[in-house]
Amino acid sequence: MSNTSHTTSDHTASEKIGPGCLSNQESSGPLLCADEPLPFEIYNGEGPSPLVIVSDHASNVVPRKLDHLGLSLEHFDRHIAYDIGADCITRCLADRLGARAVLAKYSRLVVDVNRDPSDPGCMPQISDQTLVPGNQDLSGPCHAQRIAEIHTPYHKAINAEITKITARDGRPPALFSIHSFTPSMNGADRIWDVGVLWNKDPRMSSALIEHLGRWDGLHVGDNQPYSGTEWAYTIDTHGTDVGLANCAIEIRQDHCGTIEEASHWADILADALRHILTLDNLHQLQKY
């Protein structure tokens, strides 16, 4: 993906969603240079919908000072660097629903904003059997700098959008997180087309699973291929822990790698969420 915003009009329908501008040279001082993207983007920031969409792994961009983390560029086309299709699905869905979205602007290899800062996977030394040289033996100051300049601002931005909508509407929004997954992992095929991930709060997930199940031929996973009962930092921190209705979606990457496919998934999700957002209990703070 590019490190600049795009919409469906920027690409042909069959064009692959590829990597953006990557890093160049390491130096002292701040991690992010003045001409590099902010750690987050607010898309459709005046959207009237009572929904905040988040995309933790939308980008494969690496700050120039980190010099590609020592990896060759082809790795940034892979799922280890970003969630293929997530950026486009997020923007298309936000457009269809009139919702605002918060997108992370740096690769999960630099810092995974969907992990607790203390989690070793937040700056993975190995990702899907690929050694990440730039993450080996990170010093405390280097770790802290990535958290301070990327992880923390991203989560502050999510909290700010939730606060704005709550003040505007007099009630809290729902939270929806968009991810994608590989067709196979560790030699095992993943049979699902899409998975709905949730932890303790079933308000969004149960309705979404039911709605998606009405589509002919669509194999829907309930907490598959990952389980939302395991720690998912973003939706748990901003959703479950404070009582906001929330869930995450995982879409198989061979179904969402083109603009046309991503747009189709946005249509499917928008159709479901338009109904779900009208449910009586969705916009109440409720802890489970």
C-alpha atoms as a PDB file:
ATOM      1  CA  MET A   1       0.000   0.000   0.000  1.00  0.00           C
ATOM      2  CA  SER A   2       1.044   3.532  -0.586  1.00  0.00           C
ATOM      3  CA  ASN A   3       1.783   5.810   2.329  1.00  0.00           C
ATOM      4  CA  THR A   4      -0.741   8.243   0.903  1.00  0.00           C
ATOM      5  CA  SER A   5      -4.497   7.853   1.040  1.00  0.00           C
ATOM      6  CA  HIS A   6      -6.284   6.220  -1.869  1.00  0.00           C
ATOM      7  CA  THR A   7      -9.814   5.412  -2.865  1.00  0.00           C
ATOM      8  CA  THR A   8     -11.173   2.932  -5.340  1.00  0.00           C
ATOM      9  CA  SER A   9     -10.927   5.515  -8.115  1.00  0.00           C
ATOM     10  CA  ASP A  10      -7.121   5.496  -7.902  1.00  0.00           C
ATOM     11  CA  HIS A  11      -6.778   1.918  -9.184  1.00  0.00           C
ATOM     12  CA  THR A  12      -8.163  -0.478 -11.714  1.00  0.00           C
ATOM     13  CA  ALA A  13     -10.465  -3.149 -10.346  1.00  0.00           C
ATOM     14  CA  SER A  14      -7.937  -5.975 -10.718  1.00  0.00           C
ATOM     15  CA  GLU A  15      -4.860  -4.084  -9.528  1.00  0.00           C
ATOM     16  CA  LYS A  16      -3.044  -5.704  -6.636  1.00  0.00           C
ATOM     17  CA  ILE A  17      -2.778  -3.671  -3.448  1.00  0.00           C
ATOM     18  CA  GLY A  18       0.980  -3.481  -2.967  1.00  0.00           C
ATOM     19  CA  PRO A  19       3.620  -1.911  -0.734  1.00  0.00           C
ATOM     20  CA  GLY A  20       4.283   1.759  -0.251  1.00  0.00           C
ATOM     21  CA  CYS A  21       7.432   3.821   0.157  1.00  0.00           C
ATOM     22  CA  LEU A  22       9.681   2.214   2.713  1.00  0.00           C
ATOM     23  CA  SER A  23      12.580   3.266   4.862  1.00  0.00           C
ATOM     24  CA  ASN A  24      16.038   4.451   3.955  1.00  0.00           C
ATOM     25  CA  GLN A  25      18.576   5.376   6.587  1.00  0.00           C
ATOM     26  CA  GLU A  26      18.904   5.296  10.361  1.00  0.00           C
ATOM     27  CA  SER A  27      20.043   8.297  12.389  1.00  0.00           C
ATOM     28  CA  SER A  28      19.702   9.851  15.830  1.00  0.00           C
ATOM     29  CA  GLY A  29      16.856  12.030  17.040  1.00  0.00           C
ATOM     30  CA  PRO A  30      13.136  11.393  16.585  1.00  0.00           C
ATOM     31  CA  LEU A  31      12.148   8.187  14.834  1.00  0.00           C
ATOM     32  CA  LEU A  32       9.692   9.833  12.439  1.00  0.00           C
ATOM     33  CA  CYS A  33      10.934  12.561  10.121  1.00  0.00           C
ATOM     34  CA  ALA A  34       8.828  15.659   9.535  1.00  0.00           C
ATOM     35  CA  ASP A  35       7.921  14.606   5.977  1.00  0.00           C
ATOM     36  CA  GLU A  36       6.783  11.100   6.965  1.00  0.00           C
ATOM     37  CA  PRO A  37       3.190  10.084   7.739  1.00  0.00           C
ATOM     38  CA  LEU A  38       1.695  10.588  11.152  1.00  0.00           C
ATOM     39  CA  PRO A  39       1.310   7.302  13.067  1.00  0.00           C
ATOM     40  CA  PHE A  40      -2.417   7.324  12.329  1.00  0.00           C
ATOM     41  CA  GLU A  41      -4.885   8.651   9.796  1.00  0.00           C
ATOM     42  CA  ILE A  42      -8.419   9.763  10.536  1.00  0.00           C
ATOM     43  CA  TYR A  43     -10.508   8.968   7.471  1.00  0.00           C
ATOM     44  CA  ASN A  44     -13.964  10.500   7.003  1.00  0.00           C
ATOM     45  CA  GLY A  45     -13.473  12.387  10.249  1.00  0.00           C
ATOM     46  CA  GLU A  46     -16.871  14.085  10.190  1.00  0.00           C
ATOM     47  CA  GLY A  47     -18.784  10.874   9.523  1.00  0.00           C
ATOM     48  CA  PRO A  48     -22.230  10.884  11.194  1.00  0.00           C
ATOM     49  CA  SER A  49     -22.421   7.135  11.885  1.00  0.00           C
ATOM     50  CA  PRO A  50     -22.348   5.895  15.517  1.00  0.00           C
ATOM     51  CA  LEU A  51     -19.442   3.614  14.602  1.00  0.00           C
ATOM     52  CA  VAL A  52     -15.656   3.829  14.804  1.00  0.00           C
ATOM     53  CA  ILE A  53     -13.788   1.561  12.388  1.00  0.00           C
ATOM     54  CA  VAL A  54     -10.154   0.744  13.140  1.00  0.00           C
ATOM     55  CA  SER A  55      -7.500  -0.849  10.966  1.00  0.00           C
ATOM     56  CA  ASP A  56      -4.456  -1.826  13.021  1.00  0.00           C
ATOM     57  CA  HIS A  57      -2.447  -3.373  10.195  1.00  0.00           C
ATOM     58  CA  ALA A  58      -3.420  -1.188   7.241  1.00  0.00           C
ATOM     59  CA  SER A  59       0.102  -0.150   6.240  1.00  0.00           C
ATOM     60  CA  ASN A  60       3.460  -1.709   5.406  1.00  0.00           C
ATOM     61  CA  VAL A  61       5.415   1.548   5.700  1.00  0.00           C
ATOM     62  CA  VAL A  62       8.645   1.631   7.724  1.00  0.00           C
ATOM     63  CA  PRO A  63      10.244   4.846   9.010  1.00  0.00           C
ATOM     64  CA  ARG A  64      13.284   5.721   6.902  1.00  0.00           C
ATOM     65  CA  LYS A  65      15.568   5.713   9.915  1.00  0.00           C
ATOM     66  CA  LEU A  66      14.932   1.997  10.458  1.00  0.00           C
ATOM     67  CA  ASP A  67      16.360   1.069   7.038  1.00  0.00           C
ATOM     68  CA  HIS A  68      13.696  -1.512   6.153  1.00  0.00           C
ATOM     69  CA  LEU A  69      14.420  -3.244   9.481  1.00  0.00           C
ATOM     70  CA  GLY A  70      17.194  -5.014   7.583  1.00  0.00           C
ATOM     71  CA  LEU A  71      14.723  -6.908   5.381  1.00  0.00           C
ATOM     72  CA  SER A  72      14.619  -7.072   1.600  1.00  0.00           C
ATOM     73  CA  LEU A  73      11.726  -5.217   0.028  1.00  0.00           C
ATOM     74  CA  GLU A  74       9.785  -8.291  -1.107  1.00  0.00           C
ATOM     75  CA  HIS A  75       8.924  -9.048   2.527  1.00  0.00           C
ATOM     76  CA  PHE A  76       6.806  -5.898   2.641  1.00  0.00           C
ATOM     77  CA  ASP A  77       4.431  -7.424   0.089  1.00  0.00           C
ATOM     78  CA  ARG A  78       3.734 -10.209   2.588  1.00  0.00           C
ATOM     79  CA  HIS A  79       1.227 -10.606   5.384  1.00  0.00           C
ATOM     80  CA  ILE A  80       4.010 -10.283   7.947  1.00  0.00           C
ATOM     81  CA  ALA A  81       4.201  -6.573   7.122  1.00  0.00           C
ATOM     82  CA  TYR A  82       0.512  -5.664   6.862  1.00  0.00           C
ATOM     83  CA  ASP A  83      -2.998  -7.029   6.417  1.00  0.00           C
ATOM     84  CA  ILE A  84      -3.525  -7.254   2.679  1.00  0.00           C
ATOM     85  CA  GLY A  85      -6.726  -5.501   1.624  1.00  0.00           C
ATOM     86  CA  ALA A  86      -7.513  -4.038   5.047  1.00  0.00           C
ATOM     87  CA  ASP A  87      -6.777  -0.430   4.084  1.00  0.00           C
ATOM     88  CA  CYS A  88      -9.123  -0.466   1.102  1.00  0.00           C
ATOM     89  CA  ILE A  89     -11.913  -2.352   2.883  1.00  0.00           C
ATOM     90  CA  THR A  90     -11.739   0.107   5.766  1.00  0.00           C
ATOM     91  CA  ARG A  91     -12.031   3.170   3.532  1.00  0.00           C
ATOM     92  CA  CYS A  92     -14.782   1.691   1.383  1.00  0.00           C
ATOM     93  CA  LEU A  93     -16.780   0.618   4.428  1.00  0.00           C
ATOM     94  CA  ALA A  94     -16.372   4.037   6.044  1.00  0.00           C
ATOM     95  CA  ASP A  95     -17.672   5.638   2.846  1.00  0.00           C
ATOM     96  CA  ARG A  96     -20.688   3.345   2.638  1.00  0.00           C
ATOM     97  CA  LEU A  97     -21.708   3.840   6.271  1.00  0.00           C
ATOM     98  CA  GLY A  98     -20.707   7.460   6.751  1.00  0.00           C
ATOM     99  CA  ALA A  99     -18.410   6.252   9.524  1.00  0.00           C
ATOM    100  CA  ARG A 100     -15.079   7.601  10.647  1.00  0.00           C
ATOM    101  CA  ALA A 101     -12.056   5.311  10.583  1.00  0.00           C
ATOM    102  CA  VAL A 102      -8.683   5.293  12.307  1.00  0.00           C
ATOM    103  CA  LEU A 103      -5.922   3.603  10.304  1.00  0.00           C
ATOM    104  CA  ALA A 104      -2.426   2.775  11.540  1.00  0.00           C
ATOM    105  CA  LYS A 105       0.189   4.144   9.151  1.00  0.00           C
ATOM    106  CA  TYR A 106       3.229   1.995   9.955  1.00  0.00           C
ATOM    107  CA  SER A 107       3.958  -1.683   9.531  1.00  0.00           C
ATOM    108  CA  ARG A 108       3.173  -4.218  12.206  1.00  0.00           C
ATOM    109  CA  LEU A 109       6.846  -5.215  11.937  1.00  0.00           C
ATOM    110  CA  VAL A 110       7.872  -1.808  13.292  1.00  0.00           C
ATOM    111  CA  VAL A 111       5.356  -1.942  16.123  1.00  0.00           C
ATOM    112  CA  ASP A 112       2.185  -4.006  16.248  1.00  0.00           C
ATOM    113  CA  VAL A 113      -0.404  -1.597  17.605  1.00  0.00           C
ATOM    114  CA  ASN A 114      -2.744  -4.528  18.260  1.00  0.00           C
ATOM    115  CA  ARG A 115      -0.394  -5.818  20.947  1.00  0.00           C
ATOM    116  CA  ASP A 116       0.288  -4.651  24.453  1.00  0.00           C
ATOM    117  CA  PRO A 117       3.610  -2.751  24.535  1.00  0.00           C
ATOM    118  CA  SER A 118       4.998  -5.351  26.947  1.00  0.00           C
ATOM    119  CA  ASP A 119       4.158  -8.244  24.586  1.00  0.00           C
ATOM    120  CA  PRO A 120       7.282  -9.562  22.779  1.00  0.00           C
ATOM    121  CA  GLY A 121       5.155  -9.777  19.624  1.00  0.00           C
ATOM    122  CA  CYS A 122       4.701  -6.026  19.659  1.00  0.00           C
ATOM    123  CA  MET A 123       8.080  -5.771  17.903  1.00  0.00           C
ATOM    124  CA  PRO A 124       8.542  -9.315  16.599  1.00  0.00           C
ATOM    125  CA  GLN A 125      12.028 -10.725  16.256  1.00  0.00           C
ATOM    126  CA  ILE A 126      10.641 -13.495  14.035  1.00  0.00           C
ATOM    127  CA  SER A 127       7.422 -13.323  12.017  1.00  0.00           C
ATOM    128  CA  ASP A 128       6.120 -16.434  10.235  1.00  0.00           C
ATOM    129  CA  GLN A 129       9.606 -17.971  10.251  1.00  0.00           C
ATOM    130  CA  THR A 130      11.204 -14.770   8.928  1.00  0.00           C
ATOM    131  CA  LEU A 131      13.936 -13.205  11.049  1.00  0.00           C
ATOM    132  CA  VAL A 132      13.503  -9.436  11.436  1.00  0.00           C
ATOM    133  CA  PRO A 133      17.063  -8.078  11.865  1.00  0.00           C
ATOM    134  CA  GLY A 134      15.961  -4.615  12.957  1.00  0.00           C
ATOM    135  CA  ASN A 135      14.035  -6.070  15.891  1.00  0.00           C
ATOM    136  CA  GLN A 136      16.834  -8.167  17.347  1.00  0.00           C
ATOM    137  CA  ASP A 137      18.023  -7.194  20.828  1.00  0.00           C
ATOM    138  CA  LEU A 138      16.221  -3.857  20.847  1.00  0.00           C
ATOM    139  CA  SER A 139      17.437  -1.523  23.560  1.00  0.00           C
ATOM    140  CA  GLY A 140      15.003  -0.101  26.064  1.00  0.00           C
ATOM    141  CA  PRO A 141      15.191   3.395  24.542  1.00  0.00           C
ATOM    142  CA  CYS A 142      14.558   2.054  21.020  1.00  0.00           C
ATOM    143  CA  HIS A 143      11.546   0.082  22.212  1.00  0.00           C
ATOM    144  CA  ALA A 144      10.221   3.068  24.141  1.00  0.00           C
ATOM    145  CA  GLN A 145      10.668   5.366  21.142  1.00  0.00           C
ATOM    146  CA  ARG A 146       8.534   3.197  18.864  1.00  0.00           C
ATOM    147  CA  ILE A 147       5.829   3.013  21.515  1.00  0.00           C
ATOM    148  CA  ALA A 148       5.909   6.759  22.161  1.00  0.00           C
ATOM    149  CA  GLU A 149       5.939   7.846  18.510  1.00  0.00           C
ATOM    150  CA  ILE A 150       3.637   5.245  16.906  1.00  0.00           C
ATOM    151  CA  HIS A 151       1.744   2.972  19.309  1.00  0.00           C
ATOM    152  CA  THR A 152       0.593   5.549  21.861  1.00  0.00           C
ATOM    153  CA  PRO A 153      -0.551   8.233  19.372  1.00  0.00           C
ATOM    154  CA  TYR A 154      -2.569   5.667  17.424  1.00  0.00           C
ATOM    155  CA  HIS A 155      -4.487   4.586  20.496  1.00  0.00           C
ATOM    156  CA  LYS A 156      -4.978   8.162  21.651  1.00  0.00           C
ATOM    157  CA  ALA A 157      -6.519   8.880  18.244  1.00  0.00           C
ATOM    158  CA  ILE A 158      -8.990   6.003  18.621  1.00  0.00           C
ATOM    159  CA  ASN A 159      -9.957   7.187  22.080  1.00  0.00           C
ATOM    160  CA  ALA A 160     -10.400  10.734  20.794  1.00  0.00           C
ATOM    161  CA  GLU A 161     -12.815   9.645  18.047  1.00  0.00           C
ATOM    162  CA  ILE A 162     -14.849   7.572  20.503  1.00  0.00           C
ATOM    163  CA  THR A 163     -15.012  10.560  22.846  1.00  0.00           C
ATOM    164  CA  LYS A 164     -16.118  12.914  20.054  1.00  0.00           C
ATOM    165  CA  ILE A 165     -18.949  10.646  18.928  1.00  0.00           C
ATOM    166  CA  THR A 166     -20.102  10.069  22.505  1.00  0.00           C
ATOM    167  CA  ALA A 167     -20.237  13.829  23.102  1.00  0.00           C
ATOM    168  CA  ARG A 168     -22.041  14.410  19.804  1.00  0.00           C
ATOM    169  CA  ASP A 169     -24.651  11.666  20.179  1.00  0.00           C
ATOM    170  CA  GLY A 170     -25.011  11.504  23.940  1.00  0.00           C
ATOM    171  CA  ARG A 171     -24.270   7.782  23.794  1.00  0.00           C
ATOM    172  CA  PRO A 172     -21.222   5.680  22.933  1.00  0.00           C
ATOM    173  CA  PRO A 173     -20.432   4.365  19.454  1.00  0.00           C
ATOM    174  CA  ALA A 174     -19.721   0.777  18.519  1.00  0.00           C
ATOM    175  CA  LEU A 175     -16.191  -0.308  17.597  1.00  0.00           C
ATOM    176  CA  PHE A 176     -15.346  -2.461  14.567  1.00  0.00           C
ATOM    177  CA  SER A 177     -11.857  -3.691  13.675  1.00  0.00           C
ATOM    178  CA  ILE A 178     -10.814  -4.883  10.202  1.00  0.00           C
ATOM    179  CA  HIS A 179      -8.117  -7.499   9.592  1.00  0.00           C
ATOM    180  CA  SER A 180      -7.229 -10.103   6.969  1.00  0.00           C
ATOM    181  CA  PHE A 181      -5.663 -13.558   7.226  1.00  0.00           C
ATOM    182  CA  THR A 182      -3.612 -15.892   5.066  1.00  0.00           C
ATOM    183  CA  PRO A 183      -5.304 -18.862   3.306  1.00  0.00           C
ATOM    184  CA  SER A 184      -2.908 -21.214   5.082  1.00  0.00           C
ATOM    185  CA  MET A 185      -0.573 -21.093   8.060  1.00  0.00           C
ATOM    186  CA  ASN A 186       2.112 -23.554   9.108  1.00  0.00           C
ATOM    187  CA  GLY A 187       1.055 -25.936   6.349  1.00  0.00           C
ATOM    188  CA  ALA A 188      -2.613 -26.030   7.376  1.00  0.00           C
ATOM    189  CA  ASP A 189      -5.347 -24.710   5.093  1.00  0.00           C
ATOM    190  CA  ARG A 190      -7.831 -22.271   6.574  1.00  0.00           C
ATOM    191  CA  ILE A 191     -11.273 -23.142   5.302  1.00  0.00           C
ATOM    192  CA  TRP A 192     -13.080 -19.958   6.300  1.00  0.00           C
ATOM    193  CA  ASP A 193     -13.822 -17.102   3.930  1.00  0.00           C
ATOM    194  CA  VAL A 194     -14.326 -14.721   6.824  1.00  0.00           C
ATOM    195  CA  GLY A 195     -14.130 -14.901  10.588  1.00  0.00           C
ATOM    196  CA  VAL A 196     -15.814 -12.864  13.311  1.00  0.00           C
ATOM    197  CA  LEU A 197     -13.679 -12.409  16.418  1.00  0.00           C
ATOM    198  CA  TRP A 198     -15.103 -11.470  19.789  1.00  0.00           C
ATOM    199  CA  ASN A 199     -14.363 -11.882  23.449  1.00  0.00           C
ATOM    200  CA  LYS A 200     -17.001 -11.443  26.163  1.00  0.00           C
ATOM    201  CA  ASP A 201     -19.417  -9.030  24.507  1.00  0.00           C
ATOM    202  CA  PRO A 202     -21.714 -10.788  21.988  1.00  0.00           C
ATOM    203  CA  ARG A 203     -23.793  -7.780  20.940  1.00  0.00           C
ATOM    204  CA  MET A 204     -22.154  -7.165  17.564  1.00  0.00           C
ATOM    205  CA  SER A 205     -20.616 -10.543  16.877  1.00  0.00           C
ATOM    206  CA  SER A 206     -23.721 -12.704  17.200  1.00  0.00           C
ATOM    207  CA  ALA A 207     -25.728 -10.481  14.857  1.00  0.00           C
ATOM    208  CA  LEU A 208     -22.853 -10.260  12.379  1.00  0.00           C
ATOM    209  CA  ILE A 209     -22.291 -14.023  12.304  1.00  0.00           C
ATOM    210  CA  GLU A 210     -26.000 -14.565  11.721  1.00  0.00           C
ATOM    211  CA  HIS A 211     -26.139 -11.998   8.919  1.00  0.00           C
ATOM    212  CA  LEU A 212     -23.012 -13.253   7.138  1.00  0.00           C
ATOM    213  CA  GLY A 213     -24.316 -16.802   7.383  1.00  0.00           C
ATOM    214  CA  ARG A 214     -27.186 -15.873   5.074  1.00  0.00           C
ATOM    215  CA  TRP A 215     -24.812 -15.439   2.132  1.00  0.00           C
ATOM    216  CA  ASP A 216     -24.780 -18.561  -0.036  1.00  0.00           C
ATOM    217  CA  GLY A 217     -21.462 -20.353  -0.072  1.00  0.00           C
ATOM    218  CA  LEU A 218     -19.827 -18.108   2.537  1.00  0.00           C
ATOM    219  CA  HIS A 219     -17.958 -20.095   5.176  1.00  0.00           C
ATOM    220  CA  VAL A 220     -18.090 -17.963   8.330  1.00  0.00           C
ATOM    221  CA  GLY A 221     -15.831 -18.630  11.303  1.00  0.00           C
ATOM    222  CA  ASP A 222     -16.924 -17.919  14.870  1.00  0.00           C
ATOM    223  CA  ASN A 223     -13.646 -16.947  16.565  1.00  0.00           C
ATOM    224  CA  GLN A 224     -11.797 -18.542  13.648  1.00  0.00           C
ATOM    225  CA  PRO A 225      -9.072 -18.561  12.349  1.00  0.00           C
ATOM    226  CA  TYR A 226      -8.102 -16.682  15.523  1.00  0.00           C
ATOM    227  CA  SER A 227      -9.979 -16.393  18.784  1.00  0.00           C
ATOM    228  CA  GLY A 228     -11.113 -13.103  20.222  1.00  0.00           C
ATOM    229  CA  THR A 229     -10.996 -14.711  23.663  1.00  0.00           C
ATOM    230  CA  GLU A 230      -7.252 -14.281  23.427  1.00  0.00           C
ATOM    231  CA  TRP A 231      -5.928 -10.795  24.051  1.00  0.00           C
ATOM    232  CA  ALA A 232      -6.693  -8.448  21.168  1.00  0.00           C
ATOM    233  CA  TYR A 233      -5.288  -5.182  22.415  1.00  0.00           C
ATOM    234  CA  THR A 234      -7.257  -2.662  20.372  1.00  0.00           C
ATOM    235  CA  ILE A 235     -10.826  -3.925  20.687  1.00  0.00           C
ATOM    236  CA  ASP A 236     -10.300  -5.047  24.271  1.00  0.00           C
ATOM    237  CA  THR A 237      -8.718  -1.773  25.389  1.00  0.00           C
ATOM    238  CA  HIS A 238     -11.180   0.557  23.675  1.00  0.00           C
ATOM    239  CA  GLY A 239     -14.181  -1.776  23.617  1.00  0.00           C
ATOM    240  CA  THR A 240     -14.515  -4.677  26.048  1.00  0.00           C
ATOM    241  CA  ASP A 241     -12.697  -3.054  28.970  1.00  0.00           C
ATOM    242  CA  VAL A 242     -14.896   0.059  28.915  1.00  0.00           C
ATOM    243  CA  GLY A 243     -18.172  -1.556  27.836  1.00  0.00           C
ATOM    244  CA  LEU A 244     -18.381  -0.505  24.174  1.00  0.00           C
ATOM    245  CA  ALA A 245     -19.987  -3.016  21.817  1.00  0.00           C
ATOM    246  CA  ASN A 246     -17.230  -4.360  19.595  1.00  0.00           C
ATOM    247  CA  CYS A 247     -15.912  -7.130  17.398  1.00  0.00           C
ATOM    248  CA  ALA A 248     -13.279  -7.736  14.749  1.00  0.00           C
ATOM    249  CA  ILE A 249     -13.547  -9.167  11.254  1.00  0.00           C
ATOM    250  CA  GLU A 250     -10.923 -11.340   9.546  1.00  0.00           C
ATOM    251  CA  ILE A 251     -11.207 -11.732   5.758  1.00  0.00           C
ATOM    252  CA  ARG A 252      -9.152 -14.270   3.845  1.00  0.00           C
ATOM    253  CA  GLN A 253      -6.483 -12.484   1.860  1.00  0.00           C
ATOM    254  CA  ASP A 254      -7.009 -14.334  -1.398  1.00  0.00           C
ATOM    255  CA  HIS A 255     -10.552 -12.912  -1.355  1.00  0.00           C
ATOM    256  CA  CYS A 256      -9.648  -9.257  -0.775  1.00  0.00           C
ATOM    257  CA  GLY A 257      -6.361  -8.559  -2.567  1.00  0.00           C
ATOM    258  CA  THR A 258      -7.799  -6.381  -5.339  1.00  0.00           C
ATOM    259  CA  ILE A 259      -9.781  -3.162  -5.242  1.00  0.00           C
ATOM    260  CA  GLU A 260     -12.790  -4.968  -6.727  1.00  0.00           C
ATOM    261  CA  GLU A 261     -12.682  -7.707  -4.084  1.00  0.00           C
ATOM    262  CA  ALA A 262     -12.163  -5.260  -1.230  1.00  0.00           C
ATOM    263  CA  SER A 263     -15.076  -3.151  -2.446  1.00  0.00           C
ATOM    264  CA  HIS A 264     -17.278  -6.263  -2.561  1.00  0.00           C
ATOM    265  CA  TRP A 265     -16.439  -7.080   1.049  1.00  0.00           C
ATOM    266  CA  ALA A 266     -17.232  -3.520   2.056  1.00  0.00           C
ATOM    267  CA  ASP A 267     -20.669  -3.984   0.472  1.00  0.00           C
ATOM    268  CA  ILE A 268     -21.250  -7.208   2.412  1.00  0.00           C
ATOM    269  CA  LEU A 269     -20.169  -5.688   5.714  1.00  0.00           C
ATOM    270  CA  ALA A 270     -22.087  -2.456   5.169  1.00  0.00           C
ATOM    271  CA  ASP A 271     -25.274  -4.410   4.520  1.00  0.00           C
ATOM    272  CA  ALA A 272     -24.852  -6.213   7.838  1.00  0.00           C
ATOM    273  CA  LEU A 273     -23.735  -3.255   9.916  1.00  0.00           C
ATOM    274  CA  ARG A 274     -26.542  -0.963   8.795  1.00  0.00           C
ATOM    275  CA  HIS A 275     -28.918  -3.327  10.559  1.00  0.00           C
ATOM    276  CA  ILE A 276     -26.680  -4.066  13.538  1.00  0.00           C
ATOM    277  CA  LEU A 277     -26.156  -0.384  14.336  1.00  0.00           C
ATOM    278  CA  THR A 278     -29.905   0.003  14.896  1.00  0.00           C
ATOM    279  CA  LEU A 279     -30.060  -2.616  17.668  1.00  0.00           C
ATOM    280  CA  ASP A 280     -31.424  -1.149  20.899  1.00  0.00           C
ATOM    281  CA  ASN A 281     -28.664  -2.300  23.234  1.00  0.00           C
ATOM    282  CA  LEU A 282     -25.693  -1.575  20.993  1.00  0.00           C
ATOM    283  CA  HIS A 283     -25.042   2.001  22.114  1.00  0.00           C
ATOM    284  CA  GLN A 284     -24.989   1.399  25.845  1.00  0.00           C
ATOM    285  CA  LEU A 285     -21.936   0.887  28.014  1.00  0.00           C
ATOM    286  CA  GLN A 286     -22.170  -2.713  29.130  1.00  0.00           C
ATOM    287  CA  LYS A 287     -19.386  -4.823  30.589  1.00  0.00           C
ATOM    288  CA  TYR A 288     -19.503  -8.606  30.378  1.00  0.00           C
END
